[in-house]
Amino acid sequence: MIEKTKQNKLKDYREQHLISKTELARDAEISLVTLDRIEKGFDCRLSTKRKIIEALGLNLDNKDEIFPENN
């Protein structure tokens, strides 16, 4: 069973920048279900995090804005 592991700032960032879930999922080339699970705090693959960060137009150096390490 997959459990919630970490909180992230993805939903807050997405909403502040007026990006819909559908738009972000499409741009990141991930499913809407996957995006929803990540926003709810479930963990995901590093490659999925990379896709999301790039789809948001962020540099990978700024990954902590979305996925803080110490949470």
PDB file of N, CA and C in Angstrom:
ATOM      1  N   MET A   1       0.836  -1.178   0.000  1.00  0.00           N
ATOM      2  CA  MET A   1       0.000   0.000   0.000  1.00  0.00           C
ATOM      3  C   MET A   1       0.887   1.249   0.000  1.00  0.00           C
ATOM      4  N   ILE A   2       0.569   2.197  -0.854  1.00  0.00           N
ATOM      5  CA  ILE A   2       1.320   3.444  -0.922  1.00  0.00           C
ATOM      6  C   ILE A   2       0.711   4.416   0.076  1.00  0.00           C
ATOM      7  N   GLU A   3       1.578   5.032   0.870  1.00  0.00           N
ATOM      8  CA  GLU A   3       1.105   5.955   1.887  1.00  0.00           C
ATOM      9  C   GLU A   3       1.553   7.367   1.582  1.00  0.00           C
ATOM     10  N   LYS A   4       0.863   8.300   2.213  1.00  0.00           N
ATOM     11  CA  LYS A   4       1.310   9.680   2.123  1.00  0.00           C
ATOM     12  C   LYS A   4       2.670   9.759   2.798  1.00  0.00           C
ATOM     13  N   THR A   5       3.592  10.441   2.157  1.00  0.00           N
ATOM     14  CA  THR A   5       4.922  10.518   2.734  1.00  0.00           C
ATOM     15  C   THR A   5       5.361  11.940   3.028  1.00  0.00           C
ATOM     16  N   LYS A   6       5.026  12.871   2.171  1.00  0.00           N
ATOM     17  CA  LYS A   6       5.552  14.219   2.319  1.00  0.00           C
ATOM     18  C   LYS A   6       4.517  15.236   1.877  1.00  0.00           C
ATOM     19  N   GLN A   7       4.588  16.390   2.457  1.00  0.00           N
ATOM     20  CA  GLN A   7       3.813  17.508   1.961  1.00  0.00           C
ATOM     21  C   GLN A   7       4.686  18.264   0.968  1.00  0.00           C
ATOM     22  N   ASN A   8       4.069  18.778  -0.035  1.00  0.00           N
ATOM     23  CA  ASN A   8       4.795  19.590  -0.999  1.00  0.00           C
ATOM     24  C   ASN A   8       4.006  20.867  -1.231  1.00  0.00           C
ATOM     25  N   LYS A   9       4.574  21.756  -1.985  1.00  0.00           N
ATOM     26  CA  LYS A   9       3.955  23.055  -2.220  1.00  0.00           C
ATOM     27  C   LYS A   9       3.377  23.166  -3.623  1.00  0.00           C
ATOM     28  N   LEU A  10       3.204  22.041  -4.273  1.00  0.00           N
ATOM     29  CA  LEU A  10       2.760  22.036  -5.662  1.00  0.00           C
ATOM     30  C   LEU A  10       1.397  22.692  -5.846  1.00  0.00           C
ATOM     31  N   LYS A  11       0.424  22.300  -5.069  1.00  0.00           N
ATOM     32  CA  LYS A  11      -0.928  22.843  -5.236  1.00  0.00           C
ATOM     33  C   LYS A  11      -0.932  24.354  -5.010  1.00  0.00           C
ATOM     34  N   ASP A  12      -0.284  24.806  -3.945  1.00  0.00           N
ATOM     35  CA  ASP A  12      -0.227  26.245  -3.661  1.00  0.00           C
ATOM     36  C   ASP A  12       0.436  27.001  -4.804  1.00  0.00           C
ATOM     37  N   TYR A  13       1.552  26.492  -5.299  1.00  0.00           N
ATOM     38  CA  TYR A  13       2.269  27.158  -6.387  1.00  0.00           C
ATOM     39  C   TYR A  13       1.409  27.207  -7.640  1.00  0.00           C
ATOM     40  N   ARG A  14       0.791  26.070  -7.967  1.00  0.00           N
ATOM     41  CA  ARG A  14      -0.043  25.983  -9.161  1.00  0.00           C
ATOM     42  C   ARG A  14      -1.216  26.967  -9.088  1.00  0.00           C
ATOM     43  N   GLU A  15      -1.866  27.024  -7.943  1.00  0.00           N
ATOM     44  CA  GLU A  15      -3.005  27.920  -7.791  1.00  0.00           C
ATOM     45  C   GLU A  15      -2.584  29.393  -7.803  1.00  0.00           C
ATOM     46  N   GLN A  16      -1.450  29.711  -7.193  1.00  0.00           N
ATOM     47  CA  GLN A  16      -0.963  31.094  -7.185  1.00  0.00           C
ATOM     48  C   GLN A  16      -0.641  31.584  -8.588  1.00  0.00           C
ATOM     49  N   HIS A  17      -0.228  30.662  -9.453  1.00  0.00           N
ATOM     50  CA  HIS A  17       0.129  31.020 -10.824  1.00  0.00           C
ATOM     51  C   HIS A  17      -0.997  30.740 -11.820  1.00  0.00           C
ATOM     52  N   LEU A  18      -2.190  30.469 -11.263  1.00  0.00           N
ATOM     53  CA  LEU A  18      -3.406  30.264 -12.068  1.00  0.00           C
ATOM     54  C   LEU A  18      -3.240  29.201 -13.147  1.00  0.00           C
ATOM     55  N   ILE A  19      -2.649  28.082 -12.761  1.00  0.00           N
ATOM     56  CA  ILE A  19      -2.456  26.950 -13.676  1.00  0.00           C
ATOM     57  C   ILE A  19      -3.434  25.852 -13.248  1.00  0.00           C
ATOM     58  N   SER A  20      -4.210  25.370 -14.188  1.00  0.00           N
ATOM     59  CA  SER A  20      -5.160  24.312 -13.851  1.00  0.00           C
ATOM     60  C   SER A  20      -4.428  22.975 -13.740  1.00  0.00           C
ATOM     61  N   LYS A  21      -5.067  22.051 -13.039  1.00  0.00           N
ATOM     62  CA  LYS A  21      -4.490  20.705 -12.927  1.00  0.00           C
ATOM     63  C   LYS A  21      -4.356  20.063 -14.301  1.00  0.00           C
ATOM     64  N   THR A  22      -5.381  20.236 -15.103  1.00  0.00           N
ATOM     65  CA  THR A  22      -5.371  19.640 -16.445  1.00  0.00           C
ATOM     66  C   THR A  22      -4.224  20.176 -17.283  1.00  0.00           C
ATOM     67  N   GLU A  23      -4.041  21.487 -17.238  1.00  0.00           N
ATOM     68  CA  GLU A  23      -2.969  22.120 -18.002  1.00  0.00           C
ATOM     69  C   GLU A  23      -1.605  21.627 -17.542  1.00  0.00           C
ATOM     70  N   LEU A  24      -1.384  21.576 -16.234  1.00  0.00           N
ATOM     71  CA  LEU A  24      -0.089  21.137 -15.724  1.00  0.00           C
ATOM     72  C   LEU A  24       0.157  19.664 -16.051  1.00  0.00           C
ATOM     73  N   ALA A  25      -0.855  18.832 -15.887  1.00  0.00           N
ATOM     74  CA  ALA A  25      -0.707  17.409 -16.197  1.00  0.00           C
ATOM     75  C   ALA A  25      -0.346  17.219 -17.670  1.00  0.00           C
ATOM     76  N   ARG A  26      -1.017  17.963 -18.537  1.00  0.00           N
ATOM     77  CA  ARG A  26      -0.728  17.871 -19.974  1.00  0.00           C
ATOM     78  C   ARG A  26       0.700  18.331 -20.274  1.00  0.00           C
ATOM     79  N   ASP A  27       1.087  19.490 -19.733  1.00  0.00           N
ATOM     80  CA  ASP A  27       2.423  20.029 -19.995  1.00  0.00           C
ATOM     81  C   ASP A  27       3.529  19.145 -19.431  1.00  0.00           C
ATOM     82  N   ALA A  28       3.253  18.498 -18.296  1.00  0.00           N
ATOM     83  CA  ALA A  28       4.246  17.626 -17.667  1.00  0.00           C
ATOM     84  C   ALA A  28       4.216  16.212 -18.243  1.00  0.00           C
ATOM     85  N   GLU A  29       3.229  15.948 -19.077  1.00  0.00           N
ATOM     86  CA  GLU A  29       3.052  14.623 -19.677  1.00  0.00           C
ATOM     87  C   GLU A  29       2.887  13.531 -18.619  1.00  0.00           C
ATOM     88  N   ILE A  30       2.017  13.846 -17.633  1.00  0.00           N
ATOM     89  CA  ILE A  30       1.655  12.871 -16.611  1.00  0.00           C
ATOM     90  C   ILE A  30       0.134  12.829 -16.544  1.00  0.00           C
ATOM     91  N   SER A  31      -0.387  11.809 -15.913  1.00  0.00           N
ATOM     92  CA  SER A  31      -1.847  11.710 -15.831  1.00  0.00           C
ATOM     93  C   SER A  31      -2.385  12.668 -14.774  1.00  0.00           C
ATOM     94  N   LEU A  32      -3.618  13.033 -14.948  1.00  0.00           N
ATOM     95  CA  LEU A  32      -4.301  13.902 -13.993  1.00  0.00           C
ATOM     96  C   LEU A  32      -4.388  13.211 -12.630  1.00  0.00           C
ATOM     97  N   VAL A  33      -4.587  11.904 -12.641  1.00  0.00           N
ATOM     98  CA  VAL A  33      -4.659  11.129 -11.398  1.00  0.00           C
ATOM     99  C   VAL A  33      -3.324  11.206 -10.654  1.00  0.00           C
ATOM    100  N   THR A  34      -2.226  11.086 -11.386  1.00  0.00           N
ATOM    101  CA  THR A  34      -0.906  11.172 -10.772  1.00  0.00           C
ATOM    102  C   THR A  34      -0.698  12.543 -10.149  1.00  0.00           C
ATOM    103  N   LEU A  35      -1.039  13.587 -10.876  1.00  0.00           N
ATOM    104  CA  LEU A  35      -0.886  14.941 -10.360  1.00  0.00           C
ATOM    105  C   LEU A  35      -1.724  15.139  -9.107  1.00  0.00           C
ATOM    106  N   ASP A  36      -2.942  14.660  -9.128  1.00  0.00           N
ATOM    107  CA  ASP A  36      -3.825  14.784  -7.971  1.00  0.00           C
ATOM    108  C   ASP A  36      -3.233  14.080  -6.751  1.00  0.00           C
ATOM    109  N   ARG A  37      -2.689  12.904  -6.947  1.00  0.00           N
ATOM    110  CA  ARG A  37      -2.086  12.150  -5.836  1.00  0.00           C
ATOM    111  C   ARG A  37      -0.871  12.884  -5.269  1.00  0.00           C
ATOM    112  N   ILE A  38      -0.065  13.456  -6.141  1.00  0.00           N
ATOM    113  CA  ILE A  38       1.121  14.193  -5.683  1.00  0.00           C
ATOM    114  C   ILE A  38       0.694  15.406  -4.863  1.00  0.00           C
ATOM    115  N   GLU A  39      -0.318  16.119  -5.341  1.00  0.00           N
ATOM    116  CA  GLU A  39      -0.803  17.286  -4.604  1.00  0.00           C
ATOM    117  C   GLU A  39      -1.384  16.907  -3.247  1.00  0.00           C
ATOM    118  N   LYS A  40      -1.859  15.684  -3.116  1.00  0.00           N
ATOM    119  CA  LYS A  40      -2.408  15.224  -1.845  1.00  0.00           C
ATOM    120  C   LYS A  40      -1.321  14.702  -0.905  1.00  0.00           C
ATOM    121  N   GLY A  41      -0.064  14.722  -1.351  1.00  0.00           N
ATOM    122  CA  GLY A  41       1.036  14.352  -0.472  1.00  0.00           C
ATOM    123  C   GLY A  41       1.640  12.987  -0.698  1.00  0.00           C
ATOM    124  N   PHE A  42       1.159  12.272  -1.714  1.00  0.00           N
ATOM    125  CA  PHE A  42       1.763  10.976  -2.009  1.00  0.00           C
ATOM    126  C   PHE A  42       3.081  11.186  -2.738  1.00  0.00           C
ATOM    127  N   ASP A  43       4.010  10.293  -2.529  1.00  0.00           N
ATOM    128  CA  ASP A  43       5.321  10.398  -3.146  1.00  0.00           C
ATOM    129  C   ASP A  43       5.250  10.001  -4.615  1.00  0.00           C
ATOM    130  N   CYS A  44       6.265  10.392  -5.360  1.00  0.00           N
ATOM    131  CA  CYS A  44       6.334  10.029  -6.774  1.00  0.00           C
ATOM    132  C   CYS A  44       7.798   9.851  -7.166  1.00  0.00           C
ATOM    133  N   ARG A  45       7.989   9.385  -8.369  1.00  0.00           N
ATOM    134  CA  ARG A  45       9.343   9.185  -8.882  1.00  0.00           C
ATOM    135  C   ARG A  45      10.053  10.510  -9.085  1.00  0.00           C
ATOM    136  N   LEU A  46      11.352  10.467  -9.015  1.00  0.00           N
ATOM    137  CA  LEU A  46      12.172  11.650  -9.257  1.00  0.00           C
ATOM    138  C   LEU A  46      11.946  12.179 -10.665  1.00  0.00           C
ATOM    139  N   SER A  47      11.790  11.283 -11.627  1.00  0.00           N
ATOM    140  CA  SER A  47      11.560  11.707 -13.010  1.00  0.00           C
ATOM    141  C   SER A  47      10.228  12.456 -13.151  1.00  0.00           C
ATOM    142  N   THR A  48       9.241  12.083 -12.360  1.00  0.00           N
ATOM    143  CA  THR A  48       7.957  12.774 -12.389  1.00  0.00           C
ATOM    144  C   THR A  48       8.101  14.166 -11.788  1.00  0.00           C
ATOM    145  N   LYS A  49       8.850  14.280 -10.705  1.00  0.00           N
ATOM    146  CA  LYS A  49       9.113  15.594 -10.109  1.00  0.00           C
ATOM    147  C   LYS A  49       9.808  16.501 -11.117  1.00  0.00           C
ATOM    148  N   ARG A  50      10.756  15.941 -11.838  1.00  0.00           N
ATOM    149  CA  ARG A  50      11.497  16.715 -12.842  1.00  0.00           C
ATOM    150  C   ARG A  50      10.541  17.225 -13.924  1.00  0.00           C
ATOM    151  N   LYS A  51       9.643  16.375 -14.395  1.00  0.00           N
ATOM    152  CA  LYS A  51       8.675  16.778 -15.423  1.00  0.00           C
ATOM    153  C   LYS A  51       7.797  17.928 -14.928  1.00  0.00           C
ATOM    154  N   ILE A  52       7.367  17.835 -13.681  1.00  0.00           N
ATOM    155  CA  ILE A  52       6.501  18.871 -13.113  1.00  0.00           C
ATOM    156  C   ILE A  52       7.254  20.191 -12.996  1.00  0.00           C
ATOM    157  N   ILE A  53       8.456  20.133 -12.474  1.00  0.00           N
ATOM    158  CA  ILE A  53       9.262  21.343 -12.302  1.00  0.00           C
ATOM    159  C   ILE A  53       9.515  22.016 -13.647  1.00  0.00           C
ATOM    160  N   GLU A  54       9.850  21.231 -14.650  1.00  0.00           N
ATOM    161  CA  GLU A  54      10.098  21.785 -15.980  1.00  0.00           C
ATOM    162  C   GLU A  54       8.811  22.331 -16.600  1.00  0.00           C
ATOM    163  N   ALA A  55       7.692  21.657 -16.387  1.00  0.00           N
ATOM    164  CA  ALA A  55       6.413  22.126 -16.931  1.00  0.00           C
ATOM    165  C   ALA A  55       5.988  23.440 -16.285  1.00  0.00           C
ATOM    166  N   LEU A  56       6.406  23.676 -15.059  1.00  0.00           N
ATOM    167  CA  LEU A  56       6.106  24.925 -14.378  1.00  0.00           C
ATOM    168  C   LEU A  56       7.022  26.052 -14.828  1.00  0.00           C
ATOM    169  N   GLY A  57       8.027  25.712 -15.638  1.00  0.00           N
ATOM    170  CA  GLY A  57       8.955  26.716 -16.131  1.00  0.00           C
ATOM    171  C   GLY A  57      10.050  27.053 -15.144  1.00  0.00           C
ATOM    172  N   LEU A  58      10.243  26.184 -14.164  1.00  0.00           N
ATOM    173  CA  LEU A  58      11.274  26.416 -13.164  1.00  0.00           C
ATOM    174  C   LEU A  58      12.565  25.709 -13.546  1.00  0.00           C
ATOM    175  N   ASN A  59      13.655  26.220 -13.023  1.00  0.00           N
ATOM    176  CA  ASN A  59      14.955  25.587 -13.171  1.00  0.00           C
ATOM    177  C   ASN A  59      15.034  24.476 -12.129  1.00  0.00           C
ATOM    178  N   LEU A  60      15.708  23.401 -12.446  1.00  0.00           N
ATOM    179  CA  LEU A  60      15.820  22.289 -11.494  1.00  0.00           C
ATOM    180  C   LEU A  60      16.507  22.716 -10.201  1.00  0.00           C
ATOM    181  N   ASP A  61      17.298  23.781 -10.252  1.00  0.00           N
ATOM    182  CA  ASP A  61      17.940  24.299  -9.044  1.00  0.00           C
ATOM    183  C   ASP A  61      16.910  24.852  -8.056  1.00  0.00           C
ATOM    184  N   ASN A  62      15.719  25.171  -8.547  1.00  0.00           N
ATOM    185  CA  ASN A  62      14.663  25.731  -7.710  1.00  0.00           C
ATOM    186  C   ASN A  62      13.650  24.681  -7.277  1.00  0.00           C
ATOM    187  N   LYS A  63      14.020  23.426  -7.332  1.00  0.00           N
ATOM    188  CA  LYS A  63      13.100  22.332  -7.009  1.00  0.00           C
ATOM    189  C   LYS A  63      12.537  22.426  -5.596  1.00  0.00           C
ATOM    190  N   ASP A  64      13.313  23.020  -4.679  1.00  0.00           N
ATOM    191  CA  ASP A  64      12.843  23.117  -3.292  1.00  0.00           C
ATOM    192  C   ASP A  64      11.642  24.033  -3.133  1.00  0.00           C
ATOM    193  N   GLU A  65      11.382  24.871  -4.121  1.00  0.00           N
ATOM    194  CA  GLU A  65      10.183  25.725  -4.087  1.00  0.00           C
ATOM    195  C   GLU A  65       8.923  24.858  -4.127  1.00  0.00           C
ATOM    196  N   ILE A  66       9.014  23.741  -4.800  1.00  0.00           N
ATOM    197  CA  ILE A  66       7.862  22.853  -4.965  1.00  0.00           C
ATOM    198  C   ILE A  66       7.966  21.629  -4.083  1.00  0.00           C
ATOM    199  N   PHE A  67       9.128  21.009  -4.067  1.00  0.00           N
ATOM    200  CA  PHE A  67       9.347  19.773  -3.312  1.00  0.00           C
ATOM    201  C   PHE A  67      10.456  19.977  -2.285  1.00  0.00           C
ATOM    202  N   PRO A  68      10.136  20.612  -1.143  1.00  0.00           N
ATOM    203  CA  PRO A  68      11.173  20.835  -0.124  1.00  0.00           C
ATOM    204  C   PRO A  68      11.720  19.502   0.390  1.00  0.00           C
ATOM    205  N   GLU A  69      13.001  19.478   0.646  1.00  0.00           N
ATOM    206  CA  GLU A  69      13.635  18.236   1.091  1.00  0.00           C
ATOM    207  C   GLU A  69      13.368  17.915   2.557  1.00  0.00           C
ATOM    208  N   ASN A  70      13.329  18.919   3.400  1.00  0.00           N
ATOM    209  CA  ASN A  70      13.187  18.666   4.836  1.00  0.00           C
ATOM    210  C   ASN A  70      11.755  18.916   5.286  1.00  0.00           C
ATOM    211  N   ASN A  71      10.890  17.965   4.948  1.00  0.00           N
ATOM    212  CA  ASN A  71       9.508  18.072   5.399  1.00  0.00           C
ATOM    213  C   ASN A  71       9.052  16.809   6.045  1.00  0.00           C
TER     214      ASN A  71
END
